[in-house]
Amino acid sequence: MTPPVLVPDAGPLITLAYAGRLDLLLRPGWPVHVVDMVRFEVTRNQTSTSDAIASFIDKQRLSVVATEVCRRYQQRLVDAQTGNNPPPRKAGLGELAIQEYMIRLGLEDIPAPAVLLFEDHKIARGGFHLPDNVRRVSTRAFLLFLEEKGWIPSADDIECEAVRNGRRFSRIRFP
């Protein structure tokens, strides 16, 4: 059986970075793909987690998936800087890029299984459509999965560490 591709949204990357545990993304042994727009979102501004996330992606040689959403956003940025267009919108572009990639995976001859790791309530809603080969899993559910497998001693400890370090952790529980 083909292992699923793990695709984290920005929220889980930030939470795990606050906890100092980005390594947990690798624990199941699944390939981790980061969508280009999500990478851009979590590294475009200097934050308490941006360097750790960028370094982790680079050091682990995670696949950064190119999307049309990010390409168009970057082009609009250039156009705005030259005065040809207003600045592009930023809201929701990471989710759109993820959706683009998930649809791409679903259109393969044999759809690749994927796990979308998220914290955003917009992704939990039914309006965020994904192909049947994709499972949505919250950061909390992912940590509980790792705990159940015996790969971490406590999901709560990871959550608490992120909160202690300044993360406002999502209260969403899905699935």
Foldseek 3Di string as FASTA:
>chain_A
DADAEEEEALQLQLLCQLLVHPVLVPVVVHAYEYEQLRLCVLQVDDDPRNVVSVVVCVVVVHHHHYFPLVVVLVVQCVCVVVVNDPHDDSPPSSLVRVQRVQVVQVPPPPRGAYEYEYQDVVCVDPVSDGDPSYHYAYSLRSLVVCCVVVNDVDSVSSNVSSVVSPDPGHPDHDD
